[in-house]
Structure formats: structure tokens, C-alpha cells
Amino acid sequence: MEIRKELQVPAPFFFDKLADSALYDIQRQTGKKIGRQQLRDFEYVKQFNKNSRARIKIDKFVENSIYGFTTSTVRNDFYVEYHVEALDEKKCHVTYVESMKSHGFIQTLNDKTVGILWSFLRKRRFNAMLSQIEQTY
């Protein structure tokens, strides 16, 4: 899935929101307080509930430009990447890309079926999140 959107916020403002979210999640899950310069290649385990957890690896982190991470579970690997491009001092263009690699034939079929049903809702929720970020500026 790929979503492209122009936002009425500066690129550094939007990127700060992404970085702050990652840093908050890392501290909450690991108890470690790290700096932005340590994000690239950082890995940690995130507990979603009693029976569900995933390994998160921050694959790409280029200040005010690219943020990408992989979430790996026993069932699949889910990759997300944000590209942020400044258009001027008050606007930016965001490209959001996500992909999934499922482990096993049955899991692949299941993920494709569920993906079709949920893709509309995920896009809608993502666009709502972008609008919320714009409103906080």
C-alpha cells in the first residue's frame, strides 16, 4: 500500500512527530531512553498483549527525510517507510509505503484476504492521523 499526501506543516515538524513516537515506544517497551542519533538499526521487542509480541527494527532513519522500520512476528514481516519532502517552509509531502511478507502458504492466503478487507480502513485511519498532526501545528 502506498499513500501520498501534501501536508500543511513543515517537514521537520512532521518528522519530529515520527521520531518522538519511535523514541516514546522504545522507552515504554524497553525502559531505555535513547537519542535520535541511535535510532538507525535499533532493535527491540514490543509486547502487544499477553500472547502477542513482535521484534521491531528501525531500518532507516535519515533526519527530516526517511524513517523505515520492520515489525517481525512468527506469522509475517511488516515493513513501513515514510519519505518526507519539504515543499517550502510551511508544507511537506509525505509518502507512506507498507508491505508485508507472510511466512507460509496458508498465512499468505489469510493475509491477502484480510488485507483486501482492511486496506480501506487502514488508509482511512492513516489519513485521519495525518490530519490530526496538521491540526496540532
N, C-alpha and C. Protein backbone atom coordinates (compact mmCIF):
# COMPACT_ATOMS: atom_id res chain seq x y z
N MET A 1 0.86 -1.17 0.00
CA MET A 1 0.00 0.00 0.00
C MET A 1 0.91 1.24 0.00
N GLU A 2 0.51 2.23 -0.75
CA GLU A 2 1.23 3.48 -0.79
C GLU A 2 0.24 4.64 -0.72
N ILE A 3 0.56 5.60 0.14
CA ILE A 3 -0.26 6.80 0.28
C ILE A 3 0.65 8.01 0.14
N ARG A 4 0.22 8.95 -0.67
CA ARG A 4 0.97 10.20 -0.84
C ARG A 4 0.05 11.34 -0.45
N LYS A 5 0.61 12.28 0.33
CA LYS A 5 -0.23 13.40 0.75
C LYS A 5 0.63 14.63 1.02
N GLU A 6 0.08 15.77 0.63
CA GLU A 6 0.71 17.04 0.95
C GLU A 6 0.12 17.54 2.27
N LEU A 7 1.00 17.92 3.19
CA LEU A 7 0.55 18.39 4.49
C LEU A 7 0.91 19.86 4.67
N GLN A 8 0.09 20.54 5.42
CA GLN A 8 0.30 21.96 5.70
C GLN A 8 1.10 22.14 6.98
N VAL A 9 2.21 21.43 7.07
CA VAL A 9 3.14 21.54 8.20
C VAL A 9 4.56 21.45 7.65
N PRO A 10 5.52 22.07 8.34
CA PRO A 10 6.92 21.95 7.89
C PRO A 10 7.42 20.50 8.01
N ALA A 11 8.30 20.13 7.12
CA ALA A 11 8.86 18.77 7.14
C ALA A 11 9.49 18.43 8.50
N PRO A 12 10.30 19.33 9.10
CA PRO A 12 10.88 18.98 10.41
C PRO A 12 9.83 18.74 11.48
N PHE A 13 8.72 19.47 11.45
CA PHE A 13 7.64 19.27 12.42
C PHE A 13 7.06 17.87 12.29
N PHE A 14 6.75 17.46 11.06
CA PHE A 14 6.19 16.14 10.84
C PHE A 14 7.18 15.05 11.24
N PHE A 15 8.44 15.23 10.84
CA PHE A 15 9.45 14.22 11.15
C PHE A 15 9.68 14.12 12.65
N ASP A 16 9.59 15.25 13.36
CA ASP A 16 9.71 15.22 14.82
C ASP A 16 8.64 14.33 15.43
N LYS A 17 7.43 14.38 14.89
CA LYS A 17 6.33 13.55 15.40
C LYS A 17 6.66 12.06 15.22
N LEU A 18 7.22 11.71 14.05
CA LEU A 18 7.60 10.31 13.81
C LEU A 18 8.69 9.87 14.79
N ALA A 19 9.73 10.68 14.90
CA ALA A 19 10.86 10.33 15.77
C ALA A 19 10.43 10.27 17.23
N ASP A 20 9.64 11.24 17.67
CA ASP A 20 9.17 11.24 19.06
C ASP A 20 8.33 10.00 19.37
N SER A 21 7.52 9.59 18.41
CA SER A 21 6.70 8.39 18.59
C SER A 21 7.58 7.15 18.74
N ALA A 22 8.61 7.04 17.90
CA ALA A 22 9.52 5.90 17.99
C ALA A 22 10.26 5.89 19.32
N LEU A 23 10.77 7.05 19.72
CA LEU A 23 11.52 7.15 20.98
C LEU A 23 10.64 6.82 22.18
N TYR A 24 9.40 7.29 22.15
CA TYR A 24 8.45 7.01 23.22
C TYR A 24 8.18 5.50 23.31
N ASP A 25 7.94 4.87 22.15
CA ASP A 25 7.65 3.44 22.13
C ASP A 25 8.84 2.64 22.65
N ILE A 26 10.04 3.02 22.25
CA ILE A 26 11.24 2.32 22.71
C ILE A 26 11.38 2.43 24.23
N GLN A 27 11.20 3.64 24.75
CA GLN A 27 11.32 3.82 26.20
C GLN A 27 10.25 3.04 26.95
N ARG A 28 9.05 3.06 26.41
CA ARG A 28 7.93 2.36 27.06
C ARG A 28 8.15 0.84 27.07
N GLN A 29 8.68 0.31 25.96
CA GLN A 29 8.85 -1.14 25.84
C GLN A 29 10.13 -1.67 26.49
N THR A 30 11.19 -0.86 26.47
CA THR A 30 12.49 -1.35 26.94
C THR A 30 12.95 -0.71 28.24
N GLY A 31 12.39 0.46 28.55
CA GLY A 31 12.88 1.21 29.71
C GLY A 31 14.12 2.03 29.40
N LYS A 32 14.63 1.92 28.17
CA LYS A 32 15.83 2.66 27.77
C LYS A 32 15.44 4.00 27.14
N LYS A 33 16.19 5.03 27.50
CA LYS A 33 16.00 6.33 26.89
C LYS A 33 17.17 6.56 25.95
N ILE A 34 16.88 6.55 24.65
CA ILE A 34 17.94 6.73 23.66
C ILE A 34 17.71 8.05 22.92
N GLY A 35 18.71 8.48 22.19
CA GLY A 35 18.61 9.70 21.39
C GLY A 35 18.29 9.39 19.94
N ARG A 36 17.90 10.39 19.21
CA ARG A 36 17.55 10.21 17.80
C ARG A 36 18.70 9.63 16.99
N GLN A 37 19.93 10.02 17.34
CA GLN A 37 21.09 9.54 16.59
C GLN A 37 21.30 8.03 16.76
N GLN A 38 20.64 7.43 17.73
CA GLN A 38 20.76 5.99 17.97
C GLN A 38 19.62 5.18 17.34
N LEU A 39 18.69 5.83 16.69
CA LEU A 39 17.53 5.11 16.17
C LEU A 39 17.87 4.14 15.04
N ARG A 40 18.71 4.55 14.12
CA ARG A 40 19.02 3.68 12.97
C ARG A 40 19.60 2.36 13.47
N ASP A 41 19.04 1.26 12.99
CA ASP A 41 19.43 -0.12 13.32
C ASP A 41 19.07 -0.53 14.74
N PHE A 42 18.31 0.28 15.46
CA PHE A 42 17.90 -0.10 16.81
C PHE A 42 16.85 -1.19 16.72
N GLU A 43 16.96 -2.20 17.58
CA GLU A 43 16.00 -3.31 17.62
C GLU A 43 15.48 -3.50 19.04
N TYR A 44 14.21 -3.84 19.14
CA TYR A 44 13.62 -4.13 20.45
C TYR A 44 12.40 -5.01 20.27
N VAL A 45 11.95 -5.59 21.35
CA VAL A 45 10.76 -6.43 21.33
C VAL A 45 9.61 -5.63 21.92
N LYS A 46 8.50 -5.65 21.19
CA LYS A 46 7.30 -4.94 21.63
C LYS A 46 6.24 -5.96 22.02
N GLN A 47 5.72 -5.82 23.24
CA GLN A 47 4.66 -6.70 23.73
C GLN A 47 3.32 -6.02 23.44
N PHE A 48 2.49 -6.64 22.60
CA PHE A 48 1.18 -6.07 22.27
C PHE A 48 0.12 -6.46 23.29
N ASN A 49 0.13 -7.73 23.68
CA ASN A 49 -0.73 -8.22 24.74
C ASN A 49 -0.06 -9.45 25.34
N LYS A 50 -0.77 -10.17 26.18
CA LYS A 50 -0.17 -11.30 26.88
C LYS A 50 0.42 -12.35 25.94
N ASN A 51 -0.22 -12.57 24.81
CA ASN A 51 0.19 -13.63 23.89
C ASN A 51 0.78 -13.15 22.58
N SER A 52 0.98 -11.87 22.44
CA SER A 52 1.43 -11.34 21.15
C SER A 52 2.58 -10.35 21.33
N ARG A 53 3.65 -10.61 20.60
CA ARG A 53 4.78 -9.70 20.62
C ARG A 53 5.47 -9.72 19.27
N ALA A 54 6.30 -8.73 19.04
CA ALA A 54 7.00 -8.61 17.76
C ALA A 54 8.36 -7.98 17.98
N ARG A 55 9.26 -8.27 17.07
CA ARG A 55 10.56 -7.63 17.06
C ARG A 55 10.47 -6.45 16.10
N ILE A 56 10.85 -5.28 16.60
CA ILE A 56 10.85 -4.06 15.79
C ILE A 56 12.30 -3.69 15.49
N LYS A 57 12.59 -3.43 14.22
CA LYS A 57 13.92 -2.97 13.84
C LYS A 57 13.76 -1.71 13.00
N ILE A 58 14.43 -0.65 13.45
CA ILE A 58 14.42 0.59 12.69
C ILE A 58 15.50 0.47 11.63
N ASP A 59 15.08 0.29 10.39
CA ASP A 59 15.99 0.02 9.28
C ASP A 59 16.60 1.29 8.69
N LYS A 60 15.79 2.34 8.63
CA LYS A 60 16.25 3.59 8.02
C LYS A 60 15.86 4.76 8.90
N PHE A 61 16.79 5.67 9.07
CA PHE A 61 16.49 6.91 9.78
C PHE A 61 17.43 7.99 9.24
N VAL A 62 16.89 8.83 8.38
CA VAL A 62 17.62 9.96 7.82
C VAL A 62 16.85 11.20 8.26
N GLU A 63 17.44 11.99 9.13
CA GLU A 63 16.79 13.14 9.75
C GLU A 63 16.01 13.98 8.74
N ASN A 64 14.74 14.22 9.04
CA ASN A 64 13.83 15.05 8.23
C ASN A 64 13.61 14.52 6.82
N SER A 65 13.85 13.23 6.61
CA SER A 65 13.73 12.69 5.26
C SER A 65 13.09 11.30 5.20
N ILE A 66 13.73 10.30 5.84
CA ILE A 66 13.26 8.92 5.71
C ILE A 66 13.23 8.24 7.08
N TYR A 67 12.15 7.54 7.33
CA TYR A 67 12.02 6.71 8.53
C TYR A 67 11.38 5.39 8.10
N GLY A 68 12.08 4.29 8.34
CA GLY A 68 11.55 2.99 7.96
C GLY A 68 11.82 1.96 9.03
N PHE A 69 10.86 1.07 9.25
CA PHE A 69 11.03 0.03 10.26
C PHE A 69 10.33 -1.26 9.84
N THR A 70 10.82 -2.37 10.40
CA THR A 70 10.24 -3.69 10.15
C THR A 70 9.70 -4.23 11.46
N THR A 71 8.48 -4.74 11.41
CA THR A 71 7.86 -5.41 12.54
C THR A 71 7.77 -6.89 12.18
N SER A 72 8.48 -7.73 12.94
CA SER A 72 8.52 -9.17 12.63
C SER A 72 7.82 -9.97 13.72
N THR A 73 6.92 -10.84 13.27
CA THR A 73 6.25 -11.77 14.17
C THR A 73 6.49 -13.18 13.64
N VAL A 74 5.95 -14.17 14.34
CA VAL A 74 6.09 -15.55 13.86
C VAL A 74 5.30 -15.77 12.58
N ARG A 75 4.33 -14.88 12.31
CA ARG A 75 3.48 -15.06 11.13
C ARG A 75 3.91 -14.25 9.90
N ASN A 76 4.51 -13.07 10.13
CA ASN A 76 4.87 -12.23 8.98
C ASN A 76 5.87 -11.14 9.36
N ASP A 77 6.41 -10.52 8.33
CA ASP A 77 7.26 -9.34 8.47
C ASP A 77 6.52 -8.20 7.80
N PHE A 78 6.36 -7.10 8.52
CA PHE A 78 5.61 -5.95 8.04
C PHE A 78 6.57 -4.77 7.97
N TYR A 79 6.75 -4.21 6.77
CA TYR A 79 7.69 -3.09 6.59
C TYR A 79 6.93 -1.80 6.31
N VAL A 80 7.35 -0.73 7.00
CA VAL A 80 6.75 0.60 6.82
C VAL A 80 7.86 1.59 6.55
N GLU A 81 7.61 2.48 5.61
CA GLU A 81 8.59 3.53 5.32
C GLU A 81 7.88 4.85 5.04
N TYR A 82 8.39 5.90 5.66
CA TYR A 82 7.91 7.27 5.44
C TYR A 82 9.00 8.03 4.71
N HIS A 83 8.61 8.70 3.64
CA HIS A 83 9.50 9.65 2.96
C HIS A 83 8.89 11.03 3.16
N VAL A 84 9.67 11.95 3.68
CA VAL A 84 9.19 13.29 3.96
C VAL A 84 10.02 14.26 3.12
N GLU A 85 9.31 15.08 2.34
CA GLU A 85 9.99 16.04 1.47
C GLU A 85 9.42 17.44 1.73
N ALA A 86 10.32 18.36 2.06
CA ALA A 86 9.89 19.74 2.28
C ALA A 86 9.51 20.36 0.94
N LEU A 87 8.35 20.99 0.89
CA LEU A 87 7.92 21.71 -0.32
C LEU A 87 8.26 23.19 -0.19
N ASP A 88 8.10 23.71 1.00
CA ASP A 88 8.53 25.06 1.36
C ASP A 88 8.61 25.10 2.88
N GLU A 89 8.68 26.26 3.47
CA GLU A 89 8.87 26.35 4.92
C GLU A 89 7.64 25.93 5.72
N LYS A 90 6.47 25.86 5.06
CA LYS A 90 5.24 25.54 5.78
C LYS A 90 4.51 24.31 5.25
N LYS A 91 5.06 23.64 4.24
CA LYS A 91 4.40 22.48 3.65
C LYS A 91 5.40 21.37 3.39
N CYS A 92 4.89 20.14 3.44
CA CYS A 92 5.72 18.99 3.09
C CYS A 92 4.88 17.95 2.36
N HIS A 93 5.57 17.06 1.71
CA HIS A 93 4.93 15.96 1.02
C HIS A 93 5.36 14.68 1.72
N VAL A 94 4.38 13.85 2.10
CA VAL A 94 4.67 12.61 2.79
C VAL A 94 4.25 11.45 1.90
N THR A 95 5.16 10.49 1.75
CA THR A 95 4.84 9.24 1.08
C THR A 95 4.98 8.13 2.10
N TYR A 96 3.92 7.38 2.27
CA TYR A 96 3.88 6.27 3.22
C TYR A 96 3.77 4.99 2.40
N VAL A 97 4.68 4.05 2.66
CA VAL A 97 4.68 2.78 1.93
C VAL A 97 4.71 1.65 2.97
N GLU A 98 3.86 0.66 2.77
CA GLU A 98 3.89 -0.51 3.64
C GLU A 98 3.82 -1.77 2.79
N SER A 99 4.49 -2.80 3.26
CA SER A 99 4.44 -4.09 2.59
C SER A 99 4.54 -5.19 3.63
N MET A 100 4.09 -6.37 3.24
CA MET A 100 4.09 -7.49 4.18
C MET A 100 4.57 -8.75 3.47
N LYS A 101 5.39 -9.49 4.19
CA LYS A 101 5.85 -10.80 3.72
C LYS A 101 5.37 -11.82 4.74
N SER A 102 4.52 -12.72 4.30
CA SER A 102 3.94 -13.71 5.20
C SER A 102 4.80 -14.97 5.21
N HIS A 103 4.78 -15.67 6.35
CA HIS A 103 5.53 -16.91 6.50
C HIS A 103 4.58 -18.09 6.31
N GLY A 104 4.69 -18.78 5.19
CA GLY A 104 3.86 -19.95 4.92
C GLY A 104 2.71 -19.65 3.97
N PHE A 105 2.31 -20.69 3.26
CA PHE A 105 1.27 -20.57 2.24
C PHE A 105 -0.08 -20.16 2.82
N ILE A 106 -0.52 -20.85 3.87
CA ILE A 106 -1.83 -20.55 4.47
C ILE A 106 -1.84 -19.14 5.04
N GLN A 107 -0.75 -18.75 5.70
CA GLN A 107 -0.67 -17.40 6.26
C GLN A 107 -0.71 -16.37 5.15
N THR A 108 -0.05 -16.64 4.03
CA THR A 108 -0.07 -15.73 2.88
C THR A 108 -1.49 -15.53 2.36
N LEU A 109 -2.24 -16.63 2.20
CA LEU A 109 -3.63 -16.53 1.75
C LEU A 109 -4.48 -15.75 2.74
N ASN A 110 -4.30 -16.04 4.01
CA ASN A 110 -5.05 -15.35 5.05
C ASN A 110 -4.74 -13.85 5.04
N ASP A 111 -3.46 -13.50 4.97
CA ASP A 111 -3.06 -12.09 4.99
C ASP A 111 -3.57 -11.33 3.76
N LYS A 112 -3.57 -11.99 2.60
CA LYS A 112 -4.09 -11.34 1.40
C LYS A 112 -5.59 -11.09 1.51
N THR A 113 -6.31 -12.06 2.02
CA THR A 113 -7.75 -11.91 2.18
C THR A 113 -8.08 -10.79 3.17
N VAL A 114 -7.45 -10.84 4.32
CA VAL A 114 -7.68 -9.82 5.34
C VAL A 114 -7.20 -8.46 4.84
N GLY A 115 -6.07 -8.44 4.12
CA GLY A 115 -5.53 -7.18 3.59
C GLY A 115 -6.50 -6.48 2.67
N ILE A 116 -7.18 -7.22 1.83
CA ILE A 116 -8.16 -6.63 0.93
C ILE A 116 -9.30 -6.00 1.72
N LEU A 117 -9.76 -6.72 2.73
CA LEU A 117 -10.88 -6.23 3.53
C LEU A 117 -10.51 -5.02 4.38
N TRP A 118 -9.28 -4.98 4.88
CA TRP A 118 -8.88 -3.93 5.82
C TRP A 118 -8.15 -2.76 5.18
N SER A 119 -7.73 -2.88 3.93
CA SER A 119 -6.92 -1.81 3.32
C SER A 119 -7.65 -0.47 3.30
N PHE A 120 -8.93 -0.48 3.02
CA PHE A 120 -9.70 0.76 3.02
C PHE A 120 -9.68 1.42 4.40
N LEU A 121 -9.90 0.61 5.43
CA LEU A 121 -9.92 1.15 6.79
C LEU A 121 -8.54 1.65 7.22
N ARG A 122 -7.47 0.94 6.83
CA ARG A 122 -6.12 1.38 7.18
C ARG A 122 -5.79 2.71 6.51
N LYS A 123 -6.16 2.87 5.24
CA LYS A 123 -5.93 4.13 4.54
C LYS A 123 -6.70 5.26 5.20
N ARG A 124 -7.93 4.98 5.55
CA ARG A 124 -8.76 6.00 6.19
C ARG A 124 -8.17 6.41 7.54
N ARG A 125 -7.73 5.43 8.33
CA ARG A 125 -7.15 5.71 9.64
C ARG A 125 -5.84 6.47 9.51
N PHE A 126 -5.03 6.11 8.50
CA PHE A 126 -3.76 6.80 8.28
C PHE A 126 -4.00 8.26 7.90
N ASN A 127 -4.94 8.49 7.00
CA ASN A 127 -5.26 9.87 6.60
C ASN A 127 -5.80 10.68 7.78
N ALA A 128 -6.56 10.04 8.65
CA ALA A 128 -7.05 10.73 9.85
C ALA A 128 -5.89 11.11 10.76
N MET A 129 -4.90 10.23 10.88
CA MET A 129 -3.72 10.53 11.68
C MET A 129 -2.95 11.72 11.11
N LEU A 130 -2.81 11.76 9.80
CA LEU A 130 -2.13 12.89 9.16
C LEU A 130 -2.88 14.20 9.42
N SER A 131 -4.19 14.15 9.35
CA SER A 131 -5.00 15.34 9.63
C SER A 131 -4.83 15.79 11.08
N GLN A 132 -4.74 14.85 12.00
CA GLN A 132 -4.53 15.21 13.41
C GLN A 132 -3.19 15.90 13.60
N ILE A 133 -2.17 15.41 12.91
CA ILE A 133 -0.85 16.04 13.00
C ILE A 133 -0.92 17.47 12.47
N GLU A 134 -1.61 17.66 11.37
CA GLU A 134 -1.77 19.02 10.83
C GLU A 134 -2.47 19.94 11.83
N GLN A 135 -3.47 19.42 12.51
CA GLN A 135 -4.22 20.23 13.46
C GLN A 135 -3.41 20.61 14.69
N THR A 136 -2.39 19.81 15.03
CA THR A 136 -1.58 20.14 16.20
C THR A 136 -0.54 21.22 15.91
N TYR A 137 -0.35 21.54 14.63
CA TYR A 137 0.66 22.55 14.27
C TYR A 137 0.15 23.94 14.53
